[in-house]
Amino acid sequence: MDGTVRKHPVDEVLPIPRLAVLGLQHVLIMYTGCVTVPLVFGAAVGLDTSTIGLLINADLLVAGVITIIQALGVGRVLGVRLPVVAGATFAGVSPMILIASNHGLQAVYGSMLAAGVFGLLIATPFARVVRFFPPVVTGTVITIIGLSVINVAAGLILGPDPAADDYAQPVNLAIGFGVVLVIVLVTRFVRGLLGQLAVMIGLVLGTAVVGVRGDLDFSSVGDADWVGFAAPFHFGAPEFPPAAVIAMCVVMLVIFTESTADMLTVSKLVGKDLTRSDLRRGLMADGLSGVLAGFFNSFLDTVFAQNIGLLSVTRVRSRYVAATAGLFLVLLGLVPKMGEVIASLPGPVIGGAGLVMFGTVAAVGIRTLAEVEYEGTHNLTLVSVSLGLGLLPVAAPTAFVNLPEAFQTIAGNAITATAVTAFLLNLLLNHTGRFAPAGPMDSGVSVDAQAPAPVLDLGDVDRREP
């Protein structure tokens, strides 16, 4: 023994060619999910192709910067220093659409900027009280994130205006459902990396079909620059309506919960303890994504679960691979012409991919809820009431039209309504007072008591500081 301390595999620097190949693989896995957020948001608020292309580039640029920070860290302040890849989260899409319709795009990015500052301020206390966000809360919120944006995907397939002559045309339905079918078939019959790129393959083939019909329009691509990025505050000086700020701050709490679970998963996969300080720095990076997004017309970022799955397949634990993926994302974000190409994809094609991706998000939430203990608890009441109140504005968008606009912005959004309700009910039902055994409503579902529920509390976080 020479006494040399061997590096943990997480801190191992691989040869540059291998870093490049593995980093690109991570980008391919998460690219479609990342760019779908600006595509869906831009289409929902009626932005033109060039502006959506701008959002895509900003989205990739900020995701790349946050990924590099998460992987490499910035002193004792930022970055979990694990092989995680960050990208735009669907959690912010629905609130952003509602804020845009009520207050305008300046309020969207103003409230996002405020939520980023809020995230930076609460990262430390959140790392200490994460026990108040157990799987019953996180599973409920993740489920509603997926369900609440299904209608957006439907609008992309059917068309935005039910009164228009081309609304719900059979050819658009065929294209959208065809993309879904391709994704299913690739997932079932293709192995390896190509199998994991099922959504991207569906987008490519769906676009090719539209091209054969002669309906593709890439006219704006030629005018786009090869290199560049949008100036800060492209839509004007940010505005900060209180209700919009509160709604986006709730979304930041949802993102913190999601990222915490993902960081814990990664730490276990790579065999490196997650200290409370690590968690705090990782959450600080999420908060920074909000600040950067507010400045550069982007979106809130979170740790991407798709890349966690890739980690378990490749078993390559180096955080420098994730940093390389972040560098690729930054480079892609500096190529406006690429963003313009993605922004020009046909609505039915994007909608078909969106149906699968949004459904996947909901399924992840349902899988989390399946691990929750219901027998002898009030958890079923928590889930049912939270989902019911959350889905009310989805089922009846005008339910709160006669109430103050500030109330509409918060309660009229499925994600914020569900998150607030689930959090408060968890405090009431599981953390205050003593309650009698659950009544009939709470014991109606039987869950295998031997299947352990993954409780997200500080027991899962190594309290040792680095």
Protein backbone atom coordinates (compact mmCIF):
# COMPACT_ATOMS: atom_id res chain seq x y z
CA MET A 1 0.00 0.00 0.00
CA ASP A 2 1.44 3.39 -1.01
CA GLY A 3 -0.93 5.39 1.17
CA THR A 4 -2.51 7.12 -1.81
CA VAL A 5 -6.14 8.09 -1.23
CA ARG A 6 -8.18 6.85 -4.15
CA LYS A 7 -10.75 9.20 -5.64
CA HIS A 8 -14.39 8.35 -5.35
CA PRO A 9 -15.77 7.35 -8.80
CA VAL A 10 -17.96 10.46 -8.68
CA ASP A 11 -14.82 12.64 -8.71
CA GLU A 12 -13.01 10.67 -11.42
CA VAL A 13 -12.03 12.64 -14.54
CA LEU A 14 -12.42 10.41 -17.60
CA PRO A 15 -10.49 10.79 -20.87
CA ILE A 16 -11.89 13.59 -23.03
CA PRO A 17 -13.19 11.34 -25.87
CA ARG A 18 -15.13 9.24 -23.37
CA LEU A 19 -16.42 12.33 -21.60
CA ALA A 20 -17.66 13.67 -24.92
CA VAL A 21 -19.49 10.48 -25.90
CA LEU A 22 -21.08 9.93 -22.48
CA GLY A 23 -22.00 13.62 -22.12
CA LEU A 24 -23.66 13.66 -25.54
CA GLN A 25 -25.60 10.54 -24.55
CA HIS A 26 -27.03 12.42 -21.55
CA VAL A 27 -28.03 15.34 -23.79
CA LEU A 28 -29.82 13.05 -26.23
CA ILE A 29 -31.78 11.45 -23.37
CA MET A 30 -33.04 14.73 -21.93
CA TYR A 31 -33.17 17.01 -24.98
CA THR A 32 -36.75 16.33 -26.03
CA GLY A 33 -38.10 16.73 -22.50
CA CYS A 34 -36.21 19.97 -22.07
CA VAL A 35 -37.33 21.67 -25.30
CA THR A 36 -40.94 20.47 -24.98
CA VAL A 37 -41.48 22.98 -22.17
CA PRO A 38 -40.86 26.11 -24.30
CA LEU A 39 -42.66 24.51 -27.24
CA VAL A 40 -45.80 23.89 -25.19
CA PHE A 41 -45.68 27.19 -23.36
CA GLY A 42 -45.03 29.20 -26.53
CA ALA A 43 -47.86 27.53 -28.40
CA ALA A 44 -50.28 27.94 -25.47
CA VAL A 45 -49.71 31.70 -25.17
CA GLY A 46 -49.70 32.30 -28.94
CA LEU A 47 -46.06 33.21 -29.54
CA ASP A 48 -44.69 33.21 -33.09
CA THR A 49 -42.12 30.68 -34.28
CA SER A 50 -39.14 33.02 -33.95
CA THR A 51 -40.00 33.89 -30.35
CA ILE A 52 -40.48 30.23 -29.44
CA GLY A 53 -37.07 29.54 -30.99
CA LEU A 54 -35.63 32.23 -28.73
CA LEU A 55 -37.20 30.54 -25.69
CA ILE A 56 -35.75 27.18 -26.72
CA ASN A 57 -32.23 28.60 -26.95
CA ALA A 58 -32.57 30.37 -23.61
CA ASP A 59 -33.94 27.17 -22.08
CA LEU A 60 -30.95 25.10 -23.26
CA LEU A 61 -28.44 27.77 -22.25
CA VAL A 62 -29.72 28.08 -18.67
CA ALA A 63 -30.11 24.29 -18.34
CA GLY A 64 -26.48 23.90 -19.41
CA VAL A 65 -25.22 26.49 -16.95
CA ILE A 66 -27.17 24.95 -14.06
CA THR A 67 -26.02 21.44 -15.02
CA ILE A 68 -22.37 22.55 -14.95
CA ILE A 69 -22.88 24.25 -11.58
CA GLN A 70 -24.64 21.19 -10.12
CA ALA A 71 -21.87 18.87 -11.31
CA LEU A 72 -18.78 20.94 -10.52
CA GLY A 73 -20.05 23.19 -7.72
CA VAL A 74 -19.18 26.76 -6.83
CA GLY A 75 -17.35 26.85 -3.52
CA ARG A 76 -19.56 26.18 -0.51
CA VAL A 77 -22.49 27.96 -2.10
CA LEU A 78 -23.83 26.18 -5.17
CA GLY A 79 -24.01 22.70 -6.68
CA VAL A 80 -24.64 19.24 -5.28
CA ARG A 81 -21.45 17.89 -6.95
CA LEU A 82 -23.13 14.73 -8.21
CA PRO A 83 -23.65 13.48 -11.81
CA VAL A 84 -27.02 15.18 -12.30
CA VAL A 85 -28.38 16.91 -15.39
CA ALA A 86 -30.78 19.83 -15.00
CA GLY A 87 -33.54 20.81 -17.39
CA ALA A 88 -36.80 22.73 -17.64
CA THR A 89 -39.56 21.28 -15.48
CA PHE A 90 -43.20 20.83 -16.47
CA ALA A 91 -44.17 22.04 -12.98
CA GLY A 92 -43.96 25.64 -14.11
CA VAL A 93 -45.80 25.36 -17.43
CA SER A 94 -49.40 25.53 -16.27
CA PRO A 95 -48.84 28.43 -13.80
CA MET A 96 -46.89 30.35 -16.44
CA ILE A 97 -49.72 29.99 -18.95
CA LEU A 98 -52.25 31.25 -16.40
CA ILE A 99 -50.03 34.17 -15.35
CA ALA A 100 -49.46 35.11 -19.01
CA SER A 101 -53.20 35.16 -19.69
CA ASN A 102 -53.97 37.24 -16.57
CA HIS A 103 -50.96 39.54 -16.32
CA GLY A 104 -48.80 39.23 -19.45
CA LEU A 105 -45.34 37.85 -20.21
CA GLN A 106 -43.57 40.54 -18.21
CA ALA A 107 -45.31 39.17 -15.12
CA VAL A 108 -44.36 35.61 -16.06
CA TYR A 109 -40.66 36.39 -15.97
CA GLY A 110 -40.93 38.84 -13.10
CA SER A 111 -42.63 36.23 -10.92
CA MET A 112 -40.05 33.64 -12.01
CA LEU A 113 -37.22 35.99 -11.04
CA ALA A 114 -38.85 36.54 -7.64
CA ALA A 115 -39.33 32.79 -7.20
CA GLY A 116 -35.63 32.28 -7.92
CA VAL A 117 -34.67 34.75 -5.19
CA PHE A 118 -37.16 33.03 -2.88
CA GLY A 119 -35.51 29.70 -3.67
CA LEU A 120 -32.05 31.04 -2.83
CA LEU A 121 -33.35 32.35 0.49
CA ILE A 122 -35.19 29.21 1.61
CA ALA A 123 -32.78 26.52 0.38
CA THR A 124 -31.15 26.20 3.80
CA PRO A 125 -34.35 25.99 5.88
CA PHE A 126 -35.97 23.70 3.30
CA ALA A 127 -33.10 21.23 3.64
CA ARG A 128 -33.98 21.04 7.36
CA VAL A 129 -37.77 20.62 7.04
CA VAL A 130 -37.98 18.29 4.04
CA ARG A 131 -39.80 15.78 6.28
CA PHE A 132 -42.97 17.84 5.73
CA PHE A 133 -42.94 16.78 2.07
CA PRO A 134 -43.35 12.99 2.28
CA PRO A 135 -44.26 10.77 -0.70
CA VAL A 136 -47.99 11.28 -0.11
CA VAL A 137 -47.49 15.00 -0.83
CA THR A 138 -44.88 14.69 -3.57
CA GLY A 139 -46.76 11.88 -5.33
CA THR A 140 -49.98 13.89 -5.35
CA VAL A 141 -48.28 16.99 -6.74
CA ILE A 142 -46.31 15.11 -9.40
CA THR A 143 -49.52 13.38 -10.51
CA ILE A 144 -51.29 16.69 -10.96
CA ILE A 145 -48.33 18.18 -12.86
CA GLY A 146 -48.82 15.53 -15.55
CA LEU A 147 -52.61 15.58 -15.60
CA SER A 148 -52.96 19.37 -15.64
CA VAL A 149 -51.12 19.86 -18.94
CA ILE A 150 -52.80 17.07 -20.93
CA ASN A 151 -55.25 19.67 -22.22
CA VAL A 152 -52.32 21.68 -23.62
CA ALA A 153 -51.12 18.66 -25.60
CA ALA A 154 -54.69 18.14 -26.82
CA GLY A 155 -54.81 21.74 -28.03
CA LEU A 156 -51.64 21.23 -30.05
CA ILE A 157 -53.15 18.21 -31.79
CA LEU A 158 -56.67 19.52 -32.31
CA GLY A 159 -55.92 23.21 -32.80
CA PRO A 160 -56.32 26.24 -30.52
CA ASP A 161 -59.75 27.41 -31.70
CA PRO A 162 -62.75 25.03 -31.57
CA ALA A 163 -64.64 27.39 -33.89
CA ALA A 164 -62.00 27.21 -36.64
CA ASP A 165 -62.64 25.17 -39.79
CA ASP A 166 -59.47 23.12 -39.34
CA TYR A 167 -60.18 22.22 -35.70
CA ALA A 168 -59.89 18.48 -34.87
CA GLN A 169 -59.17 17.50 -38.44
CA PRO A 170 -58.78 13.71 -38.83
CA VAL A 171 -55.34 14.14 -40.39
CA ASN A 172 -54.08 16.01 -37.32
CA LEU A 173 -55.53 13.35 -35.04
CA ALA A 174 -53.82 10.69 -37.14
CA ILE A 175 -50.46 12.46 -36.93
CA GLY A 176 -50.71 12.98 -33.16
CA PHE A 177 -51.78 9.42 -32.41
CA GLY A 178 -49.24 8.14 -34.95
CA VAL A 179 -46.46 9.78 -32.95
CA VAL A 180 -47.81 8.09 -29.81
CA LEU A 181 -47.84 4.73 -31.62
CA VAL A 182 -44.24 5.16 -32.81
CA ILE A 183 -43.10 5.95 -29.26
CA VAL A 184 -44.85 2.84 -27.92
CA LEU A 185 -43.40 0.56 -30.63
CA VAL A 186 -39.85 1.91 -30.25
CA THR A 187 -40.06 1.54 -26.49
CA ARG A 188 -41.26 -2.06 -26.84
CA PHE A 189 -39.04 -3.39 -29.61
CA VAL A 190 -35.85 -1.28 -29.68
CA ARG A 191 -33.08 -1.84 -27.16
CA GLY A 192 -30.22 0.28 -25.88
CA LEU A 193 -29.82 4.01 -26.43
CA LEU A 194 -32.25 4.11 -29.38
CA GLY A 195 -34.95 2.62 -27.19
CA GLN A 196 -34.42 5.44 -24.70
CA LEU A 197 -34.77 7.99 -27.52
CA ALA A 198 -38.31 6.84 -28.37
CA VAL A 199 -39.84 10.31 -27.97
CA MET A 200 -37.21 11.94 -30.17
CA ILE A 201 -37.69 9.25 -32.84
CA GLY A 202 -41.44 9.84 -32.70
CA LEU A 203 -40.89 13.57 -33.26
CA VAL A 204 -38.57 12.97 -36.21
CA LEU A 205 -40.87 10.46 -37.95
CA GLY A 206 -43.96 12.56 -37.29
CA THR A 207 -42.26 15.62 -38.77
CA ALA A 208 -41.18 13.57 -41.79
CA VAL A 209 -44.79 12.54 -42.43
CA VAL A 210 -45.93 16.17 -42.29
CA GLY A 211 -43.08 17.03 -44.66
CA VAL A 212 -44.21 14.43 -47.18
CA ARG A 213 -47.66 16.05 -47.12
CA GLY A 214 -45.99 19.42 -47.89
CA ASP A 215 -47.19 21.13 -44.71
CA LEU A 216 -43.84 21.88 -43.10
CA ASP A 217 -42.81 25.52 -42.75
CA PHE A 218 -39.14 26.15 -41.99
CA SER A 219 -39.11 29.56 -43.66
CA SER A 220 -38.02 31.34 -40.49
CA VAL A 221 -34.93 29.14 -40.07
CA GLY A 222 -33.02 30.88 -42.85
CA ASP A 223 -33.28 34.26 -41.12
CA ALA A 224 -31.96 32.95 -37.78
CA ASP A 225 -28.34 33.55 -36.81
CA TRP A 226 -25.88 30.72 -36.35
CA VAL A 227 -24.50 32.16 -33.10
CA GLY A 228 -26.14 34.43 -30.54
CA PHE A 229 -28.58 34.67 -27.67
CA ALA A 230 -31.47 36.89 -26.66
CA ALA A 231 -30.86 40.00 -24.60
CA PRO A 232 -32.12 39.93 -21.01
CA PHE A 233 -35.79 40.81 -20.45
CA HIS A 234 -36.75 40.26 -24.08
CA PHE A 235 -40.43 40.87 -23.27
CA GLY A 236 -39.80 44.09 -21.35
CA ALA A 237 -39.13 45.13 -17.77
CA PRO A 238 -40.30 42.45 -15.31
CA GLU A 239 -43.51 42.94 -13.37
CA PHE A 240 -44.33 41.41 -10.00
CA PRO A 241 -48.07 40.94 -9.38
CA PRO A 242 -48.29 39.49 -5.83
CA ALA A 243 -50.57 36.59 -6.80
CA ALA A 244 -48.27 35.59 -9.66
CA VAL A 245 -45.21 35.76 -7.41
CA ILE A 246 -46.91 33.59 -4.77
CA ALA A 247 -47.93 31.04 -7.41
CA MET A 248 -44.38 30.75 -8.76
CA CYS A 249 -42.93 30.52 -5.25
CA VAL A 250 -45.22 27.54 -4.63
CA VAL A 251 -43.88 26.03 -7.85
CA MET A 252 -40.33 26.55 -6.52
CA LEU A 253 -41.26 24.53 -3.42
CA VAL A 254 -42.58 21.78 -5.70
CA ILE A 255 -39.30 21.83 -7.63
CA PHE A 256 -37.30 21.65 -4.39
CA THR A 257 -39.28 18.59 -3.37
CA GLU A 258 -38.78 16.93 -6.75
CA SER A 259 -35.05 17.72 -6.86
CA THR A 260 -34.51 16.50 -3.30
CA ALA A 261 -35.97 13.10 -4.14
CA ASP A 262 -33.87 12.90 -7.32
CA MET A 263 -30.64 13.93 -5.58
CA LEU A 264 -31.22 11.30 -2.89
CA THR A 265 -31.74 8.70 -5.61
CA VAL A 266 -28.54 9.69 -7.41
CA SER A 267 -26.52 9.65 -4.20
CA LYS A 268 -27.62 6.07 -3.56
CA LEU A 269 -26.92 5.03 -7.16
CA VAL A 270 -23.36 6.36 -7.07
CA GLY A 271 -22.63 5.26 -3.51
CA LYS A 272 -21.88 8.70 -2.09
CA ASP A 273 -23.64 10.09 0.97
CA LEU A 274 -25.73 13.21 0.48
CA THR A 275 -24.96 15.60 3.33
CA ARG A 276 -27.32 18.33 4.37
CA SER A 277 -24.80 20.83 2.97
CA ASP A 278 -24.83 18.98 -0.38
CA LEU A 279 -28.61 19.13 -0.48
CA ARG A 280 -28.62 22.83 0.38
CA ARG A 281 -26.15 23.63 -2.40
CA GLY A 282 -28.17 21.59 -4.89
CA LEU A 283 -31.35 23.46 -3.97
CA MET A 284 -29.51 26.78 -4.22
CA ALA A 285 -28.67 25.89 -7.82
CA ASP A 286 -32.38 25.28 -8.48
CA GLY A 287 -33.10 28.72 -7.04
CA LEU A 288 -30.41 30.24 -9.24
CA SER A 289 -32.14 28.71 -12.28
CA GLY A 290 -35.15 30.88 -11.47
CA VAL A 291 -33.04 34.03 -11.31
CA LEU A 292 -31.31 33.23 -14.60
CA ALA A 293 -34.60 32.22 -16.22
CA GLY A 294 -36.19 35.49 -15.19
CA PHE A 295 -33.34 37.44 -16.75
CA PHE A 296 -32.86 35.39 -19.90
CA ASN A 297 -36.47 34.42 -20.80
CA SER A 298 -36.04 30.76 -19.83
CA PHE A 299 -37.72 28.29 -17.46
CA LEU A 300 -37.29 26.88 -13.97
CA ASP A 301 -34.97 23.88 -13.87
CA THR A 302 -34.92 20.69 -11.85
CA VAL A 303 -32.86 17.49 -11.78
CA PHE A 304 -33.93 15.38 -14.77
CA ALA A 305 -35.15 11.89 -13.85
CA GLN A 306 -34.44 10.54 -17.36
CA ASN A 307 -30.74 10.95 -16.76
CA ILE A 308 -30.95 9.14 -13.46
CA GLY A 309 -32.24 6.14 -15.38
CA LEU A 310 -29.26 6.42 -17.73
CA LEU A 311 -26.91 6.41 -14.73
CA SER A 312 -28.31 3.08 -13.60
CA VAL A 313 -27.79 1.65 -17.10
CA THR A 314 -24.26 2.91 -17.86
CA ARG A 315 -23.00 2.77 -14.25
CA VAL A 316 -20.63 5.64 -15.06
CA ARG A 317 -20.61 7.75 -11.92
CA SER A 318 -18.29 10.63 -12.83
CA ARG A 319 -19.82 14.07 -12.30
CA TYR A 320 -17.58 15.36 -15.06
CA VAL A 321 -19.75 13.48 -17.56
CA ALA A 322 -22.72 15.57 -16.41
CA ALA A 323 -20.59 18.72 -16.63
CA THR A 324 -19.72 17.80 -20.22
CA ALA A 325 -23.43 17.37 -20.97
CA GLY A 326 -23.95 20.85 -19.54
CA LEU A 327 -21.28 22.23 -21.87
CA PHE A 328 -23.06 20.67 -24.86
CA LEU A 329 -26.33 22.25 -23.72
CA VAL A 330 -24.69 25.67 -23.47
CA LEU A 331 -23.29 25.32 -26.99
CA LEU A 332 -26.72 24.28 -28.33
CA GLY A 333 -28.25 27.27 -26.57
CA LEU A 334 -25.92 29.57 -28.48
CA VAL A 335 -27.15 28.37 -31.90
CA PRO A 336 -30.40 30.25 -32.70
CA LYS A 337 -30.82 28.40 -35.99
CA MET A 338 -31.18 25.10 -34.09
CA GLY A 339 -33.83 26.60 -31.81
CA GLU A 340 -35.70 27.88 -34.85
CA VAL A 341 -35.76 24.38 -36.38
CA ILE A 342 -37.25 22.89 -33.20
CA ALA A 343 -39.76 25.75 -32.91
CA SER A 344 -40.99 24.99 -36.43
CA LEU A 345 -42.10 21.45 -35.58
CA PRO A 346 -45.82 20.89 -36.35
CA GLY A 347 -48.30 21.22 -33.49
CA PRO A 348 -49.85 17.73 -33.84
CA VAL A 349 -46.36 16.17 -33.69
CA ILE A 350 -45.45 18.08 -30.51
CA GLY A 351 -48.87 17.30 -29.04
CA GLY A 352 -48.48 13.57 -29.65
CA ALA A 353 -45.10 13.54 -27.91
CA GLY A 354 -46.54 15.71 -25.16
CA LEU A 355 -49.34 13.25 -24.45
CA VAL A 356 -46.77 10.57 -23.73
CA MET A 357 -44.45 12.80 -21.71
CA PHE A 358 -47.18 14.39 -19.62
CA GLY A 359 -48.73 10.98 -19.06
CA THR A 360 -45.34 9.70 -17.94
CA VAL A 361 -45.08 12.47 -15.36
CA ALA A 362 -48.52 11.56 -14.01
CA ALA A 363 -47.55 7.87 -13.94
CA VAL A 364 -44.46 8.65 -11.88
CA GLY A 365 -46.69 10.41 -9.37
CA ILE A 366 -49.10 7.48 -9.29
CA ARG A 367 -46.19 5.08 -8.75
CA THR A 368 -45.07 7.20 -5.80
CA LEU A 369 -48.59 7.18 -4.35
CA ALA A 370 -48.72 3.39 -4.70
CA GLU A 371 -45.92 3.15 -2.12
CA VAL A 372 -47.78 5.26 0.45
CA GLU A 373 -49.36 3.63 3.52
CA TYR A 374 -53.14 4.16 3.53
CA GLU A 375 -54.44 1.60 6.01
CA GLY A 376 -55.07 3.23 9.39
CA THR A 377 -54.02 6.69 8.17
CA HIS A 378 -55.70 9.74 6.70
CA ASN A 379 -53.57 9.69 3.56
CA LEU A 380 -56.40 8.72 1.23
CA THR A 381 -58.34 11.78 2.36
CA LEU A 382 -55.27 13.93 1.70
CA VAL A 383 -54.81 12.55 -1.82
CA SER A 384 -58.47 12.63 -2.80
CA VAL A 385 -59.17 16.17 -1.56
CA SER A 386 -55.93 17.55 -3.05
CA LEU A 387 -56.53 15.97 -6.46
CA GLY A 388 -60.19 16.98 -6.44
CA LEU A 389 -59.46 20.64 -5.71
CA GLY A 390 -56.50 20.62 -8.09
CA LEU A 391 -58.45 19.21 -11.02
CA LEU A 392 -61.41 21.56 -10.52
CA PRO A 393 -59.88 24.42 -12.58
CA VAL A 394 -58.87 21.88 -15.24
CA ALA A 395 -62.38 20.44 -15.53
CA ALA A 396 -64.04 23.86 -15.20
CA PRO A 397 -61.61 26.63 -16.24
CA THR A 398 -64.18 29.32 -15.40
CA ALA A 399 -64.91 28.00 -11.90
CA PHE A 400 -63.35 31.03 -10.19
CA VAL A 401 -64.09 33.66 -12.82
CA ASN A 402 -66.23 35.73 -10.41
CA LEU A 403 -63.61 35.76 -7.66
CA PRO A 404 -60.71 38.26 -7.30
CA GLU A 405 -57.99 37.91 -9.93
CA ALA A 406 -55.35 37.25 -7.26
CA PHE A 407 -57.34 34.24 -6.03
CA GLN A 408 -57.75 33.00 -9.61
CA THR A 409 -53.99 33.05 -10.20
CA ILE A 410 -53.31 30.80 -7.21
CA ALA A 411 -56.41 28.62 -6.75
CA GLY A 412 -57.21 28.60 -10.46
CA ASN A 413 -53.97 26.79 -11.22
CA ALA A 414 -54.03 23.03 -10.74
CA ILE A 415 -50.44 22.67 -9.57
CA THR A 416 -50.38 25.48 -7.02
CA ALA A 417 -53.83 24.55 -5.70
CA THR A 418 -52.83 20.91 -5.27
CA ALA A 419 -49.45 21.69 -3.73
CA VAL A 420 -50.88 24.10 -1.15
CA THR A 421 -53.77 21.78 -0.30
CA ALA A 422 -51.59 18.67 0.03
CA PHE A 423 -49.01 20.46 2.18
CA LEU A 424 -51.62 21.94 4.54
CA LEU A 425 -53.58 18.70 4.81
CA ASN A 426 -50.39 16.80 5.58
CA LEU A 427 -49.69 19.21 8.43
CA LEU A 428 -53.26 18.94 9.71
CA LEU A 429 -53.73 15.19 9.34
CA ASN A 430 -50.23 13.84 9.99
CA HIS A 431 -48.37 16.38 12.10
CA THR A 432 -50.85 17.93 14.53
CA GLY A 433 -52.73 16.45 17.48
CA ARG A 434 -53.86 12.89 17.95
CA PHE A 435 -56.40 11.36 15.65
CA ALA A 436 -58.68 8.38 15.90
CA PRO A 437 -58.16 5.49 13.46
CA ALA A 438 -59.08 6.32 9.90
CA GLY A 439 -62.72 6.11 8.91
CA PRO A 440 -64.19 4.12 6.01
CA MET A 441 -63.06 6.63 3.39
CA ASP A 442 -59.42 6.29 4.43
CA SER A 443 -59.38 2.50 4.67
CA GLY A 444 -60.99 1.81 1.34
CA VAL A 445 -57.71 0.96 -0.35
CA SER A 446 -55.53 -1.88 0.84
CA VAL A 447 -51.78 -1.52 0.44
CA ASP A 448 -49.27 -4.27 1.10
CA ALA A 449 -47.97 -3.38 4.55
CA GLN A 450 -44.73 -5.19 3.83
CA ALA A 451 -43.89 -2.86 0.94
CA PRO A 452 -41.85 -0.05 2.52
CA ALA A 453 -42.85 3.48 1.59
CA PRO A 454 -39.90 5.72 0.76
CA VAL A 455 -40.31 8.44 3.39
CA LEU A 456 -38.46 11.58 2.36
CA ASP A 457 -37.09 12.92 5.61
CA LEU A 458 -33.79 13.98 7.06
CA GLY A 459 -33.06 10.39 7.96
CA ASP A 460 -32.20 9.91 4.28
CA VAL A 461 -29.73 12.79 4.35
CA ASP A 462 -26.33 12.33 5.96
CA ARG A 463 -26.09 15.23 8.39
CA ARG A 464 -22.30 15.40 8.23
CA GLU A 465 -21.06 18.66 6.80
CA PRO A 466 -18.18 18.52 4.31
